[in-house]
N, C-alpha and C. Protein backbone atom coordinates (compact mmCIF):
# COMPACT_ATOMS: atom_id res chain seq x y z
N MET A 1 13.72 -1.57 4.81
CA MET A 1 12.57 -1.17 5.62
C MET A 1 12.83 0.19 6.25
N ILE A 2 11.78 0.98 6.35
CA ILE A 2 11.82 2.22 7.10
C ILE A 2 10.97 1.99 8.35
N PRO A 3 11.60 1.89 9.51
CA PRO A 3 10.82 1.59 10.73
C PRO A 3 9.84 2.71 11.05
N HIS A 4 8.69 2.33 11.57
CA HIS A 4 7.68 3.31 11.97
C HIS A 4 8.25 4.27 13.01
N GLY A 5 7.99 5.57 12.81
CA GLY A 5 8.41 6.56 13.78
C GLY A 5 9.88 6.90 13.76
N ARG A 6 10.61 6.41 12.76
CA ARG A 6 12.05 6.69 12.67
C ARG A 6 12.36 7.23 11.28
N PRO A 7 12.27 8.55 11.08
CA PRO A 7 12.54 9.13 9.77
C PRO A 7 13.96 8.81 9.31
N VAL A 8 14.10 8.70 8.01
CA VAL A 8 15.41 8.42 7.42
C VAL A 8 15.74 9.49 6.39
N MET A 9 17.02 9.54 6.02
CA MET A 9 17.49 10.54 5.04
C MET A 9 18.41 9.86 4.05
N THR A 10 18.34 10.32 2.80
CA THR A 10 19.31 9.91 1.80
C THR A 10 20.52 10.84 1.86
N GLU A 11 21.56 10.51 1.13
CA GLU A 11 22.73 11.39 1.11
C GLU A 11 22.39 12.73 0.44
N ALA A 12 21.46 12.71 -0.51
CA ALA A 12 21.02 13.97 -1.11
C ALA A 12 20.31 14.84 -0.07
N ASP A 13 19.49 14.22 0.80
CA ASP A 13 18.82 14.96 1.88
C ASP A 13 19.86 15.56 2.83
N ILE A 14 20.87 14.76 3.15
CA ILE A 14 21.89 15.20 4.12
C ILE A 14 22.67 16.38 3.56
N ALA A 15 23.04 16.31 2.29
CA ALA A 15 23.77 17.42 1.67
C ALA A 15 22.93 18.68 1.67
N ALA A 16 21.64 18.54 1.35
CA ALA A 16 20.75 19.71 1.33
C ALA A 16 20.63 20.32 2.73
N GLU A 17 20.52 19.48 3.75
CA GLU A 17 20.41 20.01 5.10
C GLU A 17 21.70 20.70 5.53
N ALA A 18 22.83 20.23 5.01
CA ALA A 18 24.12 20.87 5.31
C ALA A 18 24.35 22.12 4.48
N GLY A 19 23.44 22.39 3.52
CA GLY A 19 23.58 23.58 2.67
C GLY A 19 24.63 23.43 1.60
N LEU A 20 24.85 22.21 1.14
CA LEU A 20 25.89 21.96 0.14
C LEU A 20 25.31 21.18 -1.04
N GLU A 21 25.96 21.35 -2.19
CA GLU A 21 25.65 20.48 -3.32
C GLU A 21 26.10 19.07 -2.96
N LEU A 22 25.39 18.07 -3.50
CA LEU A 22 25.68 16.69 -3.13
C LEU A 22 27.13 16.33 -3.40
N HIS A 23 27.64 16.70 -4.59
CA HIS A 23 29.02 16.32 -4.93
C HIS A 23 30.02 17.00 -4.01
N THR A 24 29.71 18.24 -3.58
CA THR A 24 30.60 18.94 -2.66
C THR A 24 30.58 18.29 -1.29
N TRP A 25 29.39 17.96 -0.82
CA TRP A 25 29.28 17.29 0.48
C TRP A 25 30.03 15.97 0.47
N ARG A 26 29.88 15.21 -0.60
CA ARG A 26 30.57 13.92 -0.68
C ARG A 26 32.09 14.10 -0.66
N ARG A 27 32.56 15.09 -1.39
CA ARG A 27 34.00 15.32 -1.45
C ARG A 27 34.57 15.72 -0.09
N ARG A 28 33.83 16.57 0.62
CA ARG A 28 34.33 17.09 1.89
C ARG A 28 34.05 16.18 3.08
N HIS A 29 32.89 15.53 3.08
CA HIS A 29 32.44 14.84 4.28
C HIS A 29 32.08 13.37 4.08
N GLY A 30 31.93 12.95 2.83
CA GLY A 30 31.40 11.61 2.57
C GLY A 30 32.17 10.49 3.22
N THR A 31 33.50 10.51 3.11
CA THR A 31 34.31 9.42 3.64
C THR A 31 34.18 9.32 5.16
N ASP A 32 34.31 10.45 5.84
CA ASP A 32 34.19 10.44 7.31
C ASP A 32 32.78 10.04 7.73
N PHE A 33 31.78 10.56 7.02
CA PHE A 33 30.40 10.25 7.38
C PHE A 33 30.14 8.76 7.29
N ARG A 34 30.52 8.14 6.19
CA ARG A 34 30.24 6.70 6.01
C ARG A 34 31.03 5.85 6.99
N ALA A 35 32.19 6.34 7.41
CA ALA A 35 32.98 5.59 8.39
C ALA A 35 32.31 5.57 9.76
N ARG A 36 31.52 6.59 10.06
CA ARG A 36 30.92 6.72 11.38
C ARG A 36 29.45 6.33 11.43
N MET A 37 28.82 6.28 10.27
CA MET A 37 27.38 6.03 10.23
C MET A 37 27.08 4.73 9.50
N SER A 38 26.06 4.05 9.95
CA SER A 38 25.61 2.82 9.29
C SER A 38 24.28 3.08 8.60
N VAL A 39 24.09 2.44 7.48
CA VAL A 39 22.81 2.56 6.79
C VAL A 39 21.76 1.78 7.56
N THR A 40 20.53 2.19 7.40
CA THR A 40 19.43 1.48 8.06
C THR A 40 18.88 0.35 7.19
N ASN A 41 19.32 0.30 5.93
CA ASN A 41 18.80 -0.71 5.00
C ASN A 41 19.95 -1.39 4.26
N PRO A 42 20.78 -2.18 4.94
CA PRO A 42 21.92 -2.82 4.28
C PRO A 42 21.48 -3.62 3.06
N GLY A 43 22.31 -3.55 2.03
CA GLY A 43 22.05 -4.33 0.82
C GLY A 43 21.17 -3.66 -0.20
N GLU A 44 20.56 -2.53 0.13
CA GLU A 44 19.68 -1.82 -0.81
C GLU A 44 20.51 -0.84 -1.65
N ARG A 45 20.06 -0.59 -2.87
CA ARG A 45 20.77 0.36 -3.74
C ARG A 45 20.71 1.79 -3.19
N LEU A 46 19.55 2.17 -2.67
CA LEU A 46 19.38 3.51 -2.11
C LEU A 46 19.78 3.46 -0.64
N ARG A 47 20.85 4.18 -0.28
CA ARG A 47 21.34 4.18 1.10
C ARG A 47 20.50 5.13 1.95
N LEU A 48 19.99 4.63 3.05
CA LEU A 48 19.18 5.42 3.97
C LEU A 48 19.85 5.45 5.34
N TYR A 49 19.77 6.63 5.98
CA TYR A 49 20.39 6.81 7.29
C TYR A 49 19.35 7.34 8.27
N ASP A 50 19.50 6.96 9.53
CA ASP A 50 18.60 7.42 10.57
C ASP A 50 18.72 8.93 10.73
N ALA A 51 17.59 9.64 10.64
CA ALA A 51 17.61 11.10 10.64
C ALA A 51 18.13 11.67 11.96
N THR A 52 17.81 11.03 13.08
CA THR A 52 18.29 11.52 14.38
C THR A 52 19.81 11.44 14.45
N GLN A 53 20.37 10.35 13.98
CA GLN A 53 21.83 10.21 13.96
C GLN A 53 22.46 11.24 13.03
N VAL A 54 21.84 11.42 11.88
CA VAL A 54 22.39 12.36 10.90
C VAL A 54 22.45 13.77 11.48
N ARG A 55 21.38 14.20 12.09
CA ARG A 55 21.33 15.58 12.61
C ARG A 55 22.31 15.76 13.77
N ALA A 56 22.54 14.73 14.55
CA ALA A 56 23.55 14.81 15.60
C ALA A 56 24.93 14.97 14.97
N TYR A 57 25.20 14.22 13.93
CA TYR A 57 26.48 14.31 13.23
C TYR A 57 26.67 15.70 12.64
N LEU A 58 25.64 16.23 11.99
CA LEU A 58 25.76 17.53 11.33
C LEU A 58 25.98 18.67 12.31
N THR A 59 25.48 18.53 13.53
CA THR A 59 25.62 19.60 14.52
C THR A 59 26.80 19.37 15.46
N GLY A 60 27.58 18.32 15.19
CA GLY A 60 28.75 18.07 16.01
C GLY A 60 28.45 17.45 17.35
N GLN A 61 27.26 16.91 17.52
CA GLN A 61 26.88 16.27 18.77
C GLN A 61 27.25 14.79 18.73
N PRO A 62 27.36 14.15 19.90
CA PRO A 62 27.60 12.70 19.91
C PRO A 62 26.48 11.98 19.15
N VAL A 63 26.85 11.05 18.32
CA VAL A 63 25.86 10.32 17.54
C VAL A 63 25.25 9.24 18.42
N PRO A 64 23.95 9.29 18.66
CA PRO A 64 23.32 8.27 19.53
C PRO A 64 23.27 6.92 18.82
N PRO A 65 23.24 5.85 19.59
CA PRO A 65 23.09 4.54 18.97
C PRO A 65 21.70 4.40 18.35
N LEU A 66 21.61 3.53 17.37
CA LEU A 66 20.29 3.26 16.80
C LEU A 66 19.42 2.59 17.85
N PRO A 67 18.15 2.95 17.92
CA PRO A 67 17.26 2.27 18.88
C PRO A 67 17.09 0.81 18.50
N ASP A 68 16.75 -0.01 19.47
CA ASP A 68 16.48 -1.41 19.19
C ASP A 68 15.35 -1.52 18.17
N ALA A 69 15.49 -2.51 17.33
CA ALA A 69 14.47 -2.69 16.28
C ALA A 69 13.09 -2.92 16.87
N GLY A 70 13.03 -3.66 17.98
CA GLY A 70 11.74 -3.92 18.60
C GLY A 70 10.89 -4.85 17.73
N GLU A 71 9.62 -4.93 18.10
CA GLU A 71 8.70 -5.79 17.36
C GLU A 71 8.29 -5.12 16.04
N PRO A 72 8.02 -5.90 15.01
CA PRO A 72 7.52 -5.30 13.76
C PRO A 72 6.26 -4.48 14.02
N HIS A 73 6.19 -3.31 13.38
CA HIS A 73 5.04 -2.43 13.57
C HIS A 73 4.20 -2.43 12.29
N PRO A 74 2.88 -2.36 12.42
CA PRO A 74 2.03 -2.37 11.21
C PRO A 74 2.35 -1.25 10.23
N ASP A 75 2.91 -0.13 10.70
CA ASP A 75 3.20 0.99 9.82
C ASP A 75 4.67 1.07 9.39
N ASP A 76 5.47 0.04 9.69
CA ASP A 76 6.79 -0.04 9.06
C ASP A 76 6.60 -0.01 7.55
N LEU A 77 7.51 0.63 6.85
CA LEU A 77 7.42 0.69 5.39
C LEU A 77 8.38 -0.32 4.78
N LEU A 78 7.86 -1.20 3.95
CA LEU A 78 8.65 -2.26 3.33
C LEU A 78 8.98 -1.89 1.89
N SER A 79 10.20 -2.20 1.49
CA SER A 79 10.63 -1.94 0.11
C SER A 79 10.00 -2.97 -0.82
N THR A 80 10.13 -2.72 -2.11
CA THR A 80 9.58 -3.66 -3.10
C THR A 80 10.18 -5.04 -2.92
N GLU A 81 11.49 -5.09 -2.65
CA GLU A 81 12.16 -6.37 -2.46
C GLU A 81 11.62 -7.10 -1.23
N GLU A 82 11.37 -6.35 -0.17
CA GLU A 82 10.86 -6.97 1.06
C GLU A 82 9.42 -7.46 0.87
N VAL A 83 8.63 -6.70 0.13
CA VAL A 83 7.26 -7.14 -0.15
C VAL A 83 7.29 -8.42 -1.00
N ALA A 84 8.18 -8.45 -1.98
CA ALA A 84 8.30 -9.64 -2.83
C ALA A 84 8.65 -10.86 -1.99
N ALA A 85 9.58 -10.69 -1.05
CA ALA A 85 9.96 -11.81 -0.19
C ALA A 85 8.79 -12.26 0.68
N ALA A 86 8.03 -11.30 1.21
CA ALA A 86 6.89 -11.62 2.08
C ALA A 86 5.80 -12.37 1.31
N LEU A 87 5.61 -11.99 0.05
CA LEU A 87 4.55 -12.61 -0.76
C LEU A 87 5.04 -13.84 -1.52
N GLY A 88 6.35 -14.11 -1.42
CA GLY A 88 6.89 -15.28 -2.11
C GLY A 88 6.90 -15.12 -3.61
N THR A 89 7.22 -13.91 -4.08
CA THR A 89 7.24 -13.66 -5.52
C THR A 89 8.44 -12.80 -5.86
N ASP A 90 8.44 -12.14 -7.02
CA ASP A 90 9.56 -11.29 -7.40
C ASP A 90 9.09 -9.83 -7.51
N VAL A 91 10.06 -8.92 -7.68
CA VAL A 91 9.72 -7.49 -7.65
C VAL A 91 8.84 -7.09 -8.82
N SER A 92 9.03 -7.69 -9.98
CA SER A 92 8.20 -7.31 -11.13
C SER A 92 6.75 -7.71 -10.89
N THR A 93 6.52 -8.82 -10.20
CA THR A 93 5.16 -9.24 -9.89
C THR A 93 4.53 -8.30 -8.86
N VAL A 94 5.32 -7.85 -7.88
CA VAL A 94 4.80 -6.89 -6.91
C VAL A 94 4.33 -5.64 -7.62
N ARG A 95 5.12 -5.13 -8.55
CA ARG A 95 4.73 -3.93 -9.30
C ARG A 95 3.47 -4.19 -10.12
N SER A 96 3.38 -5.38 -10.68
CA SER A 96 2.18 -5.73 -11.44
C SER A 96 0.95 -5.79 -10.53
N TYR A 97 1.12 -6.39 -9.34
CA TYR A 97 0.02 -6.43 -8.38
C TYR A 97 -0.47 -5.02 -8.05
N ALA A 98 0.49 -4.12 -7.83
CA ALA A 98 0.13 -2.74 -7.45
C ALA A 98 -0.57 -2.02 -8.59
N SER A 99 -0.17 -2.30 -9.82
CA SER A 99 -0.77 -1.59 -10.96
C SER A 99 -2.16 -2.10 -11.29
N THR A 100 -2.47 -3.35 -10.90
CA THR A 100 -3.79 -3.92 -11.22
C THR A 100 -4.76 -3.85 -10.06
N GLY A 101 -4.31 -3.42 -8.88
CA GLY A 101 -5.20 -3.32 -7.74
C GLY A 101 -5.20 -4.53 -6.84
N TYR A 102 -4.47 -5.58 -7.19
CA TYR A 102 -4.38 -6.75 -6.31
C TYR A 102 -3.66 -6.39 -5.02
N LEU A 103 -2.75 -5.41 -5.10
CA LEU A 103 -2.05 -4.87 -3.94
C LEU A 103 -2.21 -3.36 -3.97
N ALA A 104 -2.33 -2.75 -2.80
CA ALA A 104 -2.42 -1.28 -2.74
C ALA A 104 -1.22 -0.65 -3.44
N PRO A 105 -1.38 0.56 -4.00
CA PRO A 105 -0.30 1.16 -4.78
C PRO A 105 0.92 1.55 -3.98
N GLY A 106 0.83 1.61 -2.67
CA GLY A 106 1.99 1.94 -1.87
C GLY A 106 2.20 3.45 -1.74
N ILE A 107 3.35 3.81 -1.18
CA ILE A 107 3.69 5.20 -0.87
C ILE A 107 4.98 5.57 -1.57
N GLU A 108 4.99 6.72 -2.23
CA GLU A 108 6.22 7.22 -2.88
C GLU A 108 7.02 8.01 -1.86
N LEU A 109 8.27 7.60 -1.65
CA LEU A 109 9.14 8.26 -0.68
C LEU A 109 10.59 8.03 -1.08
N HIS A 110 11.37 9.13 -1.11
CA HIS A 110 12.79 9.05 -1.48
C HIS A 110 12.97 8.42 -2.87
N GLY A 111 12.02 8.69 -3.76
CA GLY A 111 12.14 8.17 -5.12
C GLY A 111 11.89 6.69 -5.25
N ARG A 112 11.30 6.07 -4.24
CA ARG A 112 11.02 4.65 -4.24
C ARG A 112 9.57 4.42 -3.80
N ARG A 113 9.09 3.21 -4.07
CA ARG A 113 7.75 2.82 -3.66
C ARG A 113 7.87 1.94 -2.41
N TRP A 114 7.04 2.22 -1.39
CA TRP A 114 7.05 1.48 -0.13
C TRP A 114 5.63 1.07 0.23
N TRP A 115 5.52 -0.02 0.98
CA TRP A 115 4.22 -0.50 1.43
C TRP A 115 4.21 -0.67 2.94
N PRO A 116 3.18 -0.13 3.63
CA PRO A 116 3.06 -0.39 5.07
C PRO A 116 2.96 -1.90 5.32
N ARG A 117 3.59 -2.33 6.37
CA ARG A 117 3.59 -3.76 6.70
C ARG A 117 2.15 -4.30 6.81
N ARG A 118 1.25 -3.49 7.38
CA ARG A 118 -0.13 -3.95 7.58
C ARG A 118 -0.81 -4.25 6.24
N VAL A 119 -0.48 -3.44 5.21
CA VAL A 119 -1.07 -3.66 3.88
C VAL A 119 -0.62 -5.00 3.32
N VAL A 120 0.66 -5.28 3.48
CA VAL A 120 1.20 -6.55 2.98
C VAL A 120 0.60 -7.72 3.76
N GLN A 121 0.49 -7.56 5.08
CA GLN A 121 -0.08 -8.63 5.89
C GLN A 121 -1.54 -8.88 5.53
N GLU A 122 -2.28 -7.81 5.26
CA GLU A 122 -3.68 -7.96 4.85
C GLU A 122 -3.76 -8.73 3.54
N ARG A 123 -2.84 -8.47 2.64
CA ARG A 123 -2.82 -9.19 1.37
C ARG A 123 -2.55 -10.68 1.59
N ILE A 124 -1.62 -10.97 2.51
CA ILE A 124 -1.30 -12.36 2.82
C ILE A 124 -2.50 -13.04 3.48
N ASP A 125 -3.11 -12.36 4.47
CA ASP A 125 -4.23 -12.95 5.20
C ASP A 125 -5.43 -13.20 4.30
N ALA A 126 -5.61 -12.36 3.29
CA ALA A 126 -6.77 -12.49 2.41
C ALA A 126 -6.65 -13.67 1.46
N GLY A 127 -5.44 -14.16 1.27
CA GLY A 127 -5.24 -15.23 0.31
C GLY A 127 -5.41 -14.72 -1.11
N ASP A 128 -5.59 -15.63 -2.05
CA ASP A 128 -5.72 -15.25 -3.46
C ASP A 128 -7.14 -14.79 -3.72
N GLN A 129 -7.35 -13.46 -3.71
CA GLN A 129 -8.68 -12.89 -3.90
C GLN A 129 -8.78 -12.12 -5.21
N ARG A 130 -7.94 -12.43 -6.15
CA ARG A 130 -7.91 -11.62 -7.37
C ARG A 130 -9.21 -11.68 -8.17
N HIS A 131 -10.06 -12.69 -7.90
CA HIS A 131 -11.32 -12.78 -8.63
C HIS A 131 -12.44 -12.01 -7.96
N HIS A 132 -12.18 -11.41 -6.76
CA HIS A 132 -13.25 -10.71 -6.06
C HIS A 132 -13.67 -9.45 -6.80
N PRO A 133 -14.95 -9.13 -6.78
CA PRO A 133 -15.45 -7.97 -7.51
C PRO A 133 -14.75 -6.67 -7.15
N GLU A 134 -14.45 -6.47 -5.84
CA GLU A 134 -13.87 -5.19 -5.46
C GLU A 134 -12.46 -5.01 -5.98
N LEU A 135 -11.85 -6.11 -6.44
CA LEU A 135 -10.48 -6.00 -6.93
C LEU A 135 -10.41 -6.09 -8.44
N THR A 136 -11.29 -6.87 -9.06
CA THR A 136 -11.12 -7.10 -10.48
C THR A 136 -12.35 -6.79 -11.30
N GLY A 137 -13.44 -6.42 -10.68
CA GLY A 137 -14.66 -6.19 -11.44
C GLY A 137 -15.58 -7.39 -11.34
N ALA A 138 -16.88 -7.14 -11.23
CA ALA A 138 -17.84 -8.21 -10.99
C ALA A 138 -17.74 -9.29 -12.04
N GLY A 139 -17.66 -10.56 -11.58
CA GLY A 139 -17.71 -11.69 -12.47
C GLY A 139 -16.43 -12.01 -13.19
N ARG A 140 -15.36 -11.25 -12.99
CA ARG A 140 -14.12 -11.52 -13.71
C ARG A 140 -13.26 -12.51 -12.94
N ARG A 141 -12.69 -13.44 -13.66
CA ARG A 141 -11.85 -14.46 -13.06
C ARG A 141 -10.38 -14.05 -13.19
N PRO A 142 -9.48 -14.63 -12.37
CA PRO A 142 -8.06 -14.37 -12.55
C PRO A 142 -7.63 -14.68 -13.98
N GLY A 143 -6.81 -13.83 -14.55
CA GLY A 143 -6.35 -14.02 -15.91
C GLY A 143 -7.20 -13.32 -16.95
N ASP A 144 -8.38 -12.84 -16.55
CA ASP A 144 -9.21 -12.08 -17.49
C ASP A 144 -8.42 -10.85 -17.95
N PRO A 145 -8.26 -10.64 -19.27
CA PRO A 145 -7.49 -9.48 -19.76
C PRO A 145 -8.00 -8.15 -19.25
N ARG A 146 -9.30 -8.07 -18.89
CA ARG A 146 -9.85 -6.81 -18.39
C ARG A 146 -9.30 -6.45 -17.02
N ASN A 147 -8.69 -7.42 -16.32
CA ASN A 147 -8.13 -7.14 -15.01
C ASN A 147 -6.82 -6.39 -15.09
N ARG A 148 -6.16 -6.42 -16.24
CA ARG A 148 -4.85 -5.79 -16.37
C ARG A 148 -5.00 -4.31 -16.68
N ALA A 149 -4.05 -3.54 -16.14
CA ALA A 149 -4.06 -2.11 -16.45
C ALA A 149 -3.83 -1.91 -17.94
N PRO A 150 -4.46 -0.89 -18.55
CA PRO A 150 -4.22 -0.62 -19.96
C PRO A 150 -2.73 -0.51 -20.24
N ARG A 151 -2.30 -1.00 -21.41
CA ARG A 151 -0.89 -1.04 -21.74
C ARG A 151 -0.23 0.32 -21.64
N GLY A 152 -0.91 1.36 -22.16
CA GLY A 152 -0.33 2.69 -22.13
C GLY A 152 -0.11 3.18 -20.71
N ARG A 153 -1.08 2.94 -19.84
CA ARG A 153 -0.96 3.38 -18.45
C ARG A 153 0.17 2.62 -17.75
N ARG A 154 0.27 1.31 -18.02
CA ARG A 154 1.32 0.51 -17.40
C ARG A 154 2.70 0.99 -17.85
N THR A 155 2.84 1.28 -19.14
CA THR A 155 4.12 1.74 -19.66
C THR A 155 4.49 3.09 -19.07
N GLU A 156 3.52 4.00 -18.98
CA GLU A 156 3.78 5.32 -18.42
C GLU A 156 4.23 5.22 -16.96
N ALA A 157 3.59 4.31 -16.20
CA ALA A 157 3.99 4.13 -14.80
C ALA A 157 5.43 3.63 -14.72
N ARG A 158 5.80 2.74 -15.62
CA ARG A 158 7.17 2.23 -15.61
C ARG A 158 8.16 3.31 -16.01
N VAL A 159 7.80 4.12 -16.98
CA VAL A 159 8.68 5.21 -17.40
C VAL A 159 8.93 6.17 -16.24
N GLN A 160 7.88 6.52 -15.51
CA GLN A 160 8.03 7.43 -14.37
C GLN A 160 8.87 6.79 -13.27
N GLU A 161 8.70 5.49 -13.06
CA GLU A 161 9.47 4.79 -12.03
C GLU A 161 10.95 4.76 -12.39
N VAL A 162 11.24 4.46 -13.66
CA VAL A 162 12.63 4.42 -14.10
C VAL A 162 13.24 5.81 -14.07
N ALA A 163 12.46 6.82 -14.45
CA ALA A 163 12.96 8.20 -14.39
C ALA A 163 13.34 8.57 -12.96
N ALA A 164 12.53 8.15 -11.99
CA ALA A 164 12.85 8.42 -10.59
C ALA A 164 14.14 7.71 -10.19
N ASP A 165 14.33 6.48 -10.67
CA ASP A 165 15.58 5.76 -10.39
C ASP A 165 16.78 6.50 -10.97
N LEU A 166 16.64 6.99 -12.20
CA LEU A 166 17.74 7.71 -12.85
C LEU A 166 18.08 8.98 -12.08
N ALA A 167 17.05 9.71 -11.68
CA ALA A 167 17.28 10.97 -10.96
C ALA A 167 17.96 10.72 -9.63
N THR A 168 17.53 9.67 -8.92
CA THR A 168 18.12 9.36 -7.63
C THR A 168 19.58 8.93 -7.79
N ALA A 169 19.85 8.09 -8.80
CA ALA A 169 21.22 7.64 -9.04
C ALA A 169 22.14 8.82 -9.35
N GLU A 170 21.64 9.76 -10.16
CA GLU A 170 22.45 10.93 -10.50
C GLU A 170 22.69 11.80 -9.27
N ALA A 171 21.67 11.98 -8.45
CA ALA A 171 21.80 12.82 -7.26
C ALA A 171 22.78 12.23 -6.27
N GLU A 172 22.85 10.89 -6.21
CA GLU A 172 23.71 10.24 -5.23
C GLU A 172 25.03 9.76 -5.83
N GLY A 173 25.26 10.07 -7.11
CA GLY A 173 26.53 9.70 -7.72
C GLY A 173 26.71 8.20 -7.91
N ARG A 174 25.61 7.47 -8.03
CA ARG A 174 25.69 6.02 -8.21
C ARG A 174 25.56 5.66 -9.68
N ALA A 175 25.95 4.42 -9.98
CA ALA A 175 25.80 3.92 -11.34
C ALA A 175 24.32 3.91 -11.71
N SER A 176 24.04 4.32 -12.92
CA SER A 176 22.65 4.40 -13.36
C SER A 176 22.10 3.02 -13.70
N VAL A 177 20.78 2.90 -13.67
CA VAL A 177 20.13 1.66 -14.05
C VAL A 177 20.40 1.38 -15.53
N THR A 178 20.47 0.11 -15.91
CA THR A 178 20.75 -0.28 -17.29
C THR A 178 19.52 -0.94 -17.92
N ALA A 179 19.56 -1.03 -19.25
CA ALA A 179 18.46 -1.68 -19.96
C ALA A 179 18.34 -3.14 -19.55
N ALA A 180 19.48 -3.80 -19.31
CA ALA A 180 19.45 -5.21 -18.89
C ALA A 180 18.76 -5.36 -17.54
N GLU A 181 19.02 -4.44 -16.62
CA GLU A 181 18.36 -4.48 -15.31
C GLU A 181 16.86 -4.29 -15.47
N LEU A 182 16.46 -3.37 -16.34
CA LEU A 182 15.04 -3.12 -16.56
C LEU A 182 14.36 -4.33 -17.18
N ALA A 183 15.07 -5.00 -18.09
CA ALA A 183 14.51 -6.20 -18.71
C ALA A 183 14.22 -7.27 -17.66
N ARG A 184 15.16 -7.43 -16.70
CA ARG A 184 14.95 -8.41 -15.63
C ARG A 184 13.85 -7.95 -14.68
N ARG A 185 13.84 -6.65 -14.35
CA ARG A 185 12.87 -6.12 -13.38
C ARG A 185 11.45 -6.32 -13.87
N TYR A 186 11.20 -6.02 -15.15
CA TYR A 186 9.84 -6.05 -15.66
C TYR A 186 9.53 -7.30 -16.50
N ALA A 187 10.50 -8.22 -16.53
CA ALA A 187 10.31 -9.45 -17.31
C ALA A 187 9.95 -9.15 -18.76
N VAL A 188 10.75 -8.28 -19.37
CA VAL A 188 10.55 -7.90 -20.77
C VAL A 188 11.84 -8.17 -21.54
N SER A 189 11.80 -7.94 -22.85
CA SER A 189 12.99 -8.16 -23.68
C SER A 189 14.02 -7.06 -23.46
N GLN A 190 15.24 -7.35 -23.88
CA GLN A 190 16.30 -6.34 -23.79
C GLN A 190 15.92 -5.10 -24.59
N ARG A 191 15.32 -5.29 -25.74
CA ARG A 191 14.92 -4.16 -26.58
C ARG A 191 13.88 -3.30 -25.86
N THR A 192 12.91 -3.95 -25.21
CA THR A 192 11.91 -3.18 -24.46
C THR A 192 12.56 -2.44 -23.31
N GLY A 193 13.54 -3.07 -22.67
CA GLY A 193 14.27 -2.39 -21.61
C GLY A 193 14.98 -1.15 -22.13
N GLU A 194 15.54 -1.24 -23.34
CA GLU A 194 16.21 -0.09 -23.95
C GLU A 194 15.21 1.03 -24.24
N ARG A 195 14.01 0.66 -24.71
CA ARG A 195 12.99 1.67 -24.99
C ARG A 195 12.54 2.35 -23.69
N LEU A 196 12.36 1.57 -22.64
CA LEU A 196 11.97 2.16 -21.35
C LEU A 196 13.02 3.14 -20.86
N LEU A 197 14.29 2.76 -20.99
CA LEU A 197 15.37 3.62 -20.52
C LEU A 197 15.41 4.92 -21.32
N ALA A 198 15.24 4.81 -22.63
CA ALA A 198 15.24 6.01 -23.47
C ALA A 198 14.06 6.91 -23.14
N ALA A 199 12.88 6.30 -22.93
CA ALA A 199 11.69 7.10 -22.60
C ALA A 199 11.85 7.77 -21.24
N ALA A 200 12.47 7.08 -20.29
CA ALA A 200 12.67 7.67 -18.97
C ALA A 200 13.63 8.85 -19.04
N ARG A 201 14.68 8.74 -19.85
CA ARG A 201 15.61 9.85 -20.00
C ARG A 201 14.93 11.05 -20.65
N GLN A 202 14.08 10.77 -21.63
CA GLN A 202 13.34 11.86 -22.26
C GLN A 202 12.38 12.50 -21.28
N HIS A 203 11.75 11.68 -20.43
CA HIS A 203 10.83 12.20 -19.41
C HIS A 203 11.58 13.14 -18.46
N LEU A 204 12.78 12.76 -18.06
CA LEU A 204 13.56 13.61 -17.17
C LEU A 204 13.90 14.95 -17.84
N GLN A 205 14.28 14.91 -19.11
CA GLN A 205 14.63 16.14 -19.83
C GLN A 205 13.42 17.07 -19.93
N GLN A 206 12.25 16.50 -20.17
CA GLN A 206 11.05 17.31 -20.33
C GLN A 206 10.59 17.93 -19.02
N HIS A 207 10.94 17.29 -17.89
CA HIS A 207 10.47 17.78 -16.60
C HIS A 207 11.58 18.37 -15.74
N SER A 208 12.73 18.58 -16.34
CA SER A 208 13.84 19.17 -15.57
C SER A 208 13.68 20.68 -15.52
């Protein structure tokens, strides 16, 4: 989660603010930084740090404590995993909901997709409304093939999402996503996961 009103930074952001290449920053400062700073999103692949703490560290000032979490705010940003937990489903279903309009598309930030807490709560409060005209088209029932995003558009969205994952992993020096992970994420075959990974790598090369 990214708490409302509390900007966060990735290690790539921190290196850029320090005026260093990411690998140089990690070599010179990474160990000390991680020993003194805590991530704001424990357990997530993408490590996020409180921007106020980071800037105090970078300028040699005392690092302030993290503010109390307080009450949940409607504009807190929830990760895909947190949305899945709130809706009682899995991450691949959340992505499917977003691509078909059952759930708002969310916000792209730090190479990830996030949803305001209020959007998720509205989805919960509305119950199962997938047959409503404003979401699926007049007269269409849940499961109607016309409710699904066109295959090409869905595949392209996945390719772009995986490409963003690859770019972030490379920037932060983390292990890259694998075809097996993609197969689990999107509930597809291992072969389809391999095709997605290859297409995402090609997408990165074309847009580098």
